[in-house]
Every structure is written in C-alpha cells, then in structure tokens.
PDB file of N, CA and C in Angstrom:
ATOM      1  N   MET A   1      97.333  88.064  91.009  1.00  0.00           N
ATOM      2  CA  MET A   1      98.771  88.203  90.912  1.00  0.00           C
ATOM      3  C   MET A   1      99.209  88.274  89.451  1.00  0.00           C
ATOM      4  N   CYS A   2      98.526  87.551  88.568  1.00  0.00           N
ATOM      5  CA  CYS A   2      98.897  87.566  87.149  1.00  0.00           C
ATOM      6  C   CYS A   2      98.715  88.960  86.556  1.00  0.00           C
ATOM      7  N   ARG A   3      97.624  89.633  86.941  1.00  0.00           N
ATOM      8  CA  ARG A   3      97.372  90.972  86.429  1.00  0.00           C
ATOM      9  C   ARG A   3      98.488  91.922  86.879  1.00  0.00           C
ATOM     10  N   PHE A   4      98.910  91.763  88.138  1.00  0.00           N
ATOM     11  CA  PHE A   4      99.991  92.605  88.653  1.00  0.00           C
ATOM     12  C   PHE A   4     101.283  92.364  87.876  1.00  0.00           C
ATOM     13  N   LYS A   5     101.619  91.091  87.673  1.00  0.00           N
ATOM     14  CA  LYS A   5     102.850  90.760  86.945  1.00  0.00           C
ATOM     15  C   LYS A   5     102.814  91.310  85.527  1.00  0.00           C
ATOM     16  N   ARG A   6     101.660  91.189  84.870  1.00  0.00           N
ATOM     17  CA  ARG A   6     101.539  91.688  83.500  1.00  0.00           C
ATOM     18  C   ARG A   6     101.708  93.207  83.477  1.00  0.00           C
ATOM     19  N   GLY A   7     101.096  93.892  84.445  1.00  0.00           N
ATOM     20  CA  GLY A   7     101.208  95.350  84.519  1.00  0.00           C
ATOM     21  C   GLY A   7     102.639  95.802  84.742  1.00  0.00           C
ATOM     22  N   VAL A   8     103.326  95.125  85.640  1.00  0.00           N
ATOM     23  CA  VAL A   8     104.720  95.487  85.902  1.00  0.00           C
ATOM     24  C   VAL A   8     105.585  95.178  84.692  1.00  0.00           C
ATOM     25  N   SER A   9     105.326  94.071  84.016  1.00  0.00           N
ATOM     26  CA  SER A   9     106.099  93.728  82.818  1.00  0.00           C
ATOM     27  C   SER A   9     105.930  94.784  81.734  1.00  0.00           C
ATOM     28  N   ILE A  10     104.711  95.258  81.550  1.00  0.00           N
ATOM     29  CA  ILE A  10     104.458  96.312  80.559  1.00  0.00           C
ATOM     30  C   ILE A  10     105.185  97.586  80.959  1.00  0.00           C
ATOM     31  N   LEU A  11     105.096  97.932  82.246  1.00  0.00           N
ATOM     32  CA  LEU A  11     105.779  99.129  82.735  1.00  0.00           C
ATOM     33  C   LEU A  11     107.286  99.025  82.511  1.00  0.00           C
ATOM     34  N   LEU A  12     107.852  97.871  82.824  1.00  0.00           N
ATOM     35  CA  LEU A  12     109.292  97.689  82.626  1.00  0.00           C
ATOM     36  C   LEU A  12     109.667  97.772  81.152  1.00  0.00           C
ATOM     37  N   ALA A  13     108.830  97.245  80.282  1.00  0.00           N
ATOM     38  CA  ALA A  13     109.108  97.315  78.843  1.00  0.00           C
ATOM     39  C   ALA A  13     109.104  98.765  78.364  1.00  0.00           C
ATOM     40  N   ILE A  14     108.190  99.567  78.873  1.00  0.00           N
ATOM     41  CA  ILE A  14     108.113 100.979  78.484  1.00  0.00           C
ATOM     42  C   ILE A  14     109.327 101.748  78.995  1.00  0.00           C
ATOM     43  N   LEU A  15     109.771 101.382  80.195  1.00  0.00           N
ATOM     44  CA  LEU A  15     110.839 102.148  80.844  1.00  0.00           C
ATOM     45  C   LEU A  15     112.245 101.711  80.456  1.00  0.00           C
ATOM     46  N   ARG A  16     112.395 100.855  79.475  1.00  0.00           N
ATOM     47  CA  ARG A  16     113.713 100.348  79.108  1.00  0.00           C
ATOM     48  C   ARG A  16     114.530 101.327  78.252  1.00  0.00           C
ATOM     49  N   HIS A  17     114.068 102.535  78.112  1.00  0.00           N
ATOM     50  CA  HIS A  17     114.811 103.537  77.351  1.00  0.00           C
ATOM     51  C   HIS A  17     115.874 104.172  78.239  1.00  0.00           C
ATOM     52  N   PRO A  18     116.995 104.615  77.653  1.00  0.00           N
ATOM     53  CA  PRO A  18     118.043 105.268  78.450  1.00  0.00           C
ATOM     54  C   PRO A  18     117.467 106.453  79.228  1.00  0.00           C
ATOM     55  N   GLY A  19     117.938 106.629  80.433  1.00  0.00           N
ATOM     56  CA  GLY A  19     117.462 107.741  81.254  1.00  0.00           C
ATOM     57  C   GLY A  19     116.346 107.347  82.193  1.00  0.00           C
ATOM     58  N   HIS A  20     115.837 106.146  82.040  1.00  0.00           N
ATOM     59  CA  HIS A  20     114.738 105.694  82.881  1.00  0.00           C
ATOM     60  C   HIS A  20     115.174 104.593  83.838  1.00  0.00           C
ATOM     61  N   ARG A  21     116.456 104.461  84.057  1.00  0.00           N
ATOM     62  CA  ARG A  21     116.964 103.357  84.890  1.00  0.00           C
ATOM     63  C   ARG A  21     116.467 103.444  86.328  1.00  0.00           C
ATOM     64  N   LYS A  22     116.364 104.664  86.869  1.00  0.00           N
ATOM     65  CA  LYS A  22     115.887 104.795  88.247  1.00  0.00           C
ATOM     66  C   LYS A  22     114.440 104.324  88.357  1.00  0.00           C
ATOM     67  N   LEU A  23     113.626 104.701  87.388  1.00  0.00           N
ATOM     68  CA  LEU A  23     112.227 104.272  87.404  1.00  0.00           C
ATOM     69  C   LEU A  23     112.120 102.766  87.229  1.00  0.00           C
ATOM     70  N   GLU A  24     112.954 102.219  86.370  1.00  0.00           N
ATOM     71  CA  GLU A  24     112.959 100.774  86.144  1.00  0.00           C
ATOM     72  C   GLU A  24     113.377 100.041  87.420  1.00  0.00           C
ATOM     73  N   ALA A  25     114.399 100.549  88.082  1.00  0.00           N
ATOM     74  CA  ALA A  25     114.853  99.934  89.329  1.00  0.00           C
ATOM     75  C   ALA A  25     113.765 100.023  90.396  1.00  0.00           C
ATOM     76  N   TYR A  26     113.099 101.164  90.458  1.00  0.00           N
ATOM     77  CA  TYR A  26     112.028 101.339  91.444  1.00  0.00           C
ATOM     78  C   TYR A  26     110.865 100.389  91.155  1.00  0.00           C
ATOM     79  N   ALA A  27     110.507 100.258  89.883  1.00  0.00           N
ATOM     80  CA  ALA A  27     109.418  99.348  89.511  1.00  0.00           C
ATOM     81  C   ALA A  27     109.779  97.910  89.863  1.00  0.00           C
ATOM     82  N   THR A  28     111.026  97.537  89.626  1.00  0.00           N
ATOM     83  CA  THR A  28     111.469  96.184  89.974  1.00  0.00           C
ATOM     84  C   THR A  28     111.425  95.978  91.478  1.00  0.00           C
ATOM     85  N   PHE A  29     111.866  96.988  92.226  1.00  0.00           N
ATOM     86  CA  PHE A  29     111.816  96.924  93.688  1.00  0.00           C
ATOM     87  C   PHE A  29     110.383  96.741  94.170  1.00  0.00           C
ATOM     88  N   ARG A  30     109.450  97.504  93.598  1.00  0.00           N
ATOM     89  CA  ARG A  30     108.042  97.407  94.003  1.00  0.00           C
ATOM     90  C   ARG A  30     107.483  96.022  93.682  1.00  0.00           C
ATOM     91  N   LYS A  31     107.893  95.471  92.555  1.00  0.00           N
ATOM     92  CA  LYS A  31     107.442  94.133  92.178  1.00  0.00           C
ATOM     93  C   LYS A  31     107.939  93.106  93.190  1.00  0.00           C
ATOM     94  N   LEU A  32     109.210  93.202  93.567  1.00  0.00           N
ATOM     95  CA  LEU A  32     109.765  92.272  94.550  1.00  0.00           C
ATOM     96  C   LEU A  32     109.116  92.464  95.915  1.00  0.00           C
ATOM     97  N   GLU A  33     108.847  93.714  96.273  1.00  0.00           N
ATOM     98  CA  GLU A  33     108.192  94.009  97.545  1.00  0.00           C
ATOM     99  C   GLU A  33     106.782  93.419  97.573  1.00  0.00           C
ATOM    100  N   ALA A  34     106.060  93.554  96.466  1.00  0.00           N
ATOM    101  CA  ALA A  34     104.710  92.991  96.386  1.00  0.00           C
ATOM    102  C   ALA A  34     104.752  91.470  96.470  1.00  0.00           C
ATOM    103  N   TYR A  35     105.730  90.862  95.827  1.00  0.00           N
ATOM    104  CA  TYR A  35     105.862  89.403  95.878  1.00  0.00           C
ATOM    105  C   TYR A  35     106.174  88.943  97.299  1.00  0.00           C
ATOM    106  N   ALA A  36     107.047  89.675  97.998  1.00  0.00           N
ATOM    107  CA  ALA A  36     107.377  89.327  99.382  1.00  0.00           C
ATOM    108  C   ALA A  36     106.145  89.440 100.269  1.00  0.00           C
ATOM    109  N   THR A  37     105.346  90.474 100.058  1.00  0.00           N
ATOM    110  CA  THR A  37     104.114  90.642 100.835  1.00  0.00           C
ATOM    111  C   THR A  37     103.155  89.495 100.558  1.00  0.00           C
ATOM    112  N   PHE A  38     103.032  89.119  99.290  1.00  0.00           N
ATOM    113  CA  PHE A  38     102.178  87.993  98.913  1.00  0.00           C
ATOM    114  C   PHE A  38     102.630  86.715  99.608  1.00  0.00           C
ATOM    115  N   ARG A  39     103.947  86.474  99.627  1.00  0.00           N
ATOM    116  CA  ARG A  39     104.476  85.266 100.268  1.00  0.00           C
ATOM    117  C   ARG A  39     104.217  85.282 101.772  1.00  0.00           C
ATOM    118  N   LYS A  40     104.319  86.464 102.402  1.00  0.00           N
ATOM    119  CA  LYS A  40     104.038  86.573 103.837  1.00  0.00           C
ATOM    120  C   LYS A  40     102.575  86.235 104.114  1.00  0.00           C
ATOM    121  N   LEU A  41     101.679  86.762 103.282  1.00  0.00           N
ATOM    122  CA  LEU A  41     100.252  86.479 103.454  1.00  0.00           C
ATOM    123  C   LEU A  41      99.962  85.003 103.231  1.00  0.00           C
ATOM    124  N   GLU A  42     100.620  84.417 102.250  1.00  0.00           N
ATOM    125  CA  GLU A  42     100.453  82.994 101.968  1.00  0.00           C
ATOM    126  C   GLU A  42     100.942  82.156 103.157  1.00  0.00           C
ATOM    127  N   ALA A  43     102.072  82.534 103.733  1.00  0.00           N
ATOM    128  CA  ALA A  43     102.609  81.818 104.896  1.00  0.00           C
ATOM    129  C   ALA A  43     101.674  81.964 106.093  1.00  0.00           C
ATOM    130  N   TYR A  44     101.117  83.157 106.282  1.00  0.00           N
ATOM    131  CA  TYR A  44     100.198  83.384 107.394  1.00  0.00           C
ATOM    132  C   TYR A  44      98.936  82.541 107.227  1.00  0.00           C
ATOM    133  N   ALA A  45      98.422  82.458 106.002  1.00  0.00           N
ATOM    134  CA  ALA A  45      97.231  81.645 105.746  1.00  0.00           C
ATOM    135  C   ALA A  45      97.517  80.175 106.032  1.00  0.00           C
ATOM    136  N   THR A  46      98.690  79.704 105.656  1.00  0.00           N
ATOM    137  CA  THR A  46      99.073  78.317 105.937  1.00  0.00           C
ATOM    138  C   THR A  46      99.164  78.085 107.436  1.00  0.00           C
ATOM    139  N   PHE A  47      99.758  79.034 108.155  1.00  0.00           N
ATOM    140  CA  PHE A  47      99.858  78.940 109.609  1.00  0.00           C
ATOM    141  C   PHE A  47      98.473  78.860 110.245  1.00  0.00           C
ATOM    142  N   ARG A  48      97.553  79.713 109.785  1.00  0.00           N
ATOM    143  CA  ARG A  48      96.190  79.718 110.344  1.00  0.00           C
ATOM    144  C   ARG A  48      95.483  78.390 110.055  1.00  0.00           C
ATOM    145  N   LYS A  49      95.711  77.835 108.878  1.00  0.00           N
ATOM    146  CA  LYS A  49      95.107  76.559 108.523  1.00  0.00           C
ATOM    147  C   LYS A  49      95.636  75.448 109.437  1.00  0.00           C
ATOM    148  N   LEU A  50      96.953  75.441 109.660  1.00  0.00           N
ATOM    149  CA  LEU A  50      97.543  74.439 110.554  1.00  0.00           C
ATOM    150  C   LEU A  50      97.041  74.615 111.982  1.00  0.00           C
ATOM    151  N   GLU A  51      96.884  75.850 112.399  1.00  0.00           N
ATOM    152  CA  GLU A  51      96.360  76.140 113.730  1.00  0.00           C
ATOM    153  C   GLU A  51      94.928  75.607 113.863  1.00  0.00           C
ATOM    154  N   ALA A  52      94.128  75.775 112.815  1.00  0.00           N
ATOM    155  CA  ALA A  52      92.751  75.272 112.831  1.00  0.00           C
ATOM    156  C   ALA A  52      92.731  73.744 112.887  1.00  0.00           C
ATOM    157  N   TYR A  53      93.626  73.099 112.141  1.00  0.00           N
ATOM    158  CA  TYR A  53      93.713  71.635 112.190  1.00  0.00           C
ATOM    159  C   TYR A  53      94.100  71.154 113.581  1.00  0.00           C
ATOM    160  N   ALA A  54      95.034  71.836 114.215  1.00  0.00           N
ATOM    161  CA  ALA A  54      95.467  71.453 115.562  1.00  0.00           C
ATOM    162  C   ALA A  54      94.322  71.607 116.557  1.00  0.00           C
ATOM    163  N   THR A  55      93.557  72.668 116.429  1.00  0.00           N
ATOM    164  CA  THR A  55      92.408  72.883 117.311  1.00  0.00           C
ATOM    165  C   THR A  55      91.372  71.787 117.109  1.00  0.00           C
ATOM    166  N   ALA A  56      91.120  71.428 115.857  1.00  0.00           N
ATOM    167  CA  ALA A  56      90.159  70.359 115.571  1.00  0.00           C
ATOM    168  C   ALA A  56      90.644  69.031 116.142  1.00  0.00           C
ATOM    169  N   ALA A  57      91.931  68.757 116.028  1.00  0.00           N
ATOM    170  CA  ALA A  57      92.485  67.508 116.561  1.00  0.00           C
ATOM    171  C   ALA A  57      92.361  67.465 118.076  1.00  0.00           C
ATOM    172  N   ARG A  58      92.635  68.587 118.745  1.00  0.00           N
ATOM    173  CA  ARG A  58      92.490  68.636 120.205  1.00  0.00           C
ATOM    174  C   ARG A  58      91.039  68.409 120.612  1.00  0.00           C
ATOM    175  N   THR A  59      90.118  68.986 119.846  1.00  0.00           N
ATOM    176  CA  THR A  59      88.694  68.824 120.146  1.00  0.00           C
ATOM    177  C   THR A  59      88.283  67.368 119.988  1.00  0.00           C
ATOM    178  N   LEU A  60      88.731  66.725 118.912  1.00  0.00           N
ATOM    179  CA  LEU A  60      88.393  65.316 118.691  1.00  0.00           C
ATOM    180  C   LEU A  60      89.009  64.417 119.759  1.00  0.00           C
ATOM    181  N   ASN A  61      90.204  64.734 120.195  1.00  0.00           N
ATOM    182  CA  ASN A  61      90.872  63.932 121.220  1.00  0.00           C
ATOM    183  C   ASN A  61      90.211  64.073 122.585  1.00  0.00           C
ATOM    184  N   SER A  62      89.560  65.200 122.820  1.00  0.00           N
ATOM    185  CA  SER A  62      88.927  65.410 124.126  1.00  0.00           C
ATOM    186  C   SER A  62      87.542  64.772 124.205  1.00  0.00           C
ATOM    187  N   ILE A  63      87.020  64.313 123.072  1.00  0.00           N
ATOM    188  CA  ILE A  63      85.676  63.694 123.064  1.00  0.00           C
ATOM    189  C   ILE A  63      85.763  62.262 123.521  1.00  0.00           C
TER     190      ILE A  63
END
C-alpha cells in the first residue's frame, strides 16, 4: 500500500499544473477507489478470521 500511495503522490505532484485538473481529479478518485477496495478486503479478512474462531469454538464445545 505504501508503494501505491507514493506512486499516486508523485503522479499528483506532476499533474498540479494548470490544465491537468481532470487528470488530477481522476487520479484522486482512483486512489480513493483503491483505498475503499483495500478496506473491503481487510473487512472480509476480519470476517473470515471471526468465522474461523466461531467454528473452532463450536468444535471445542462439542468435545
């Protein structure tokens, strides 16, 4: 994620010249979209971990 942030920051710095506002806005949108996707994946991983803990607890309780 750090490499992505650094790349987008460099891109935004290059695009800060007049006439490049659409590209800058698009790059910012893509950065936010990537962050949202990352958060969704992180939430899914947490859900799967909790699901695994619940399964383990049920297994231990049935013994």
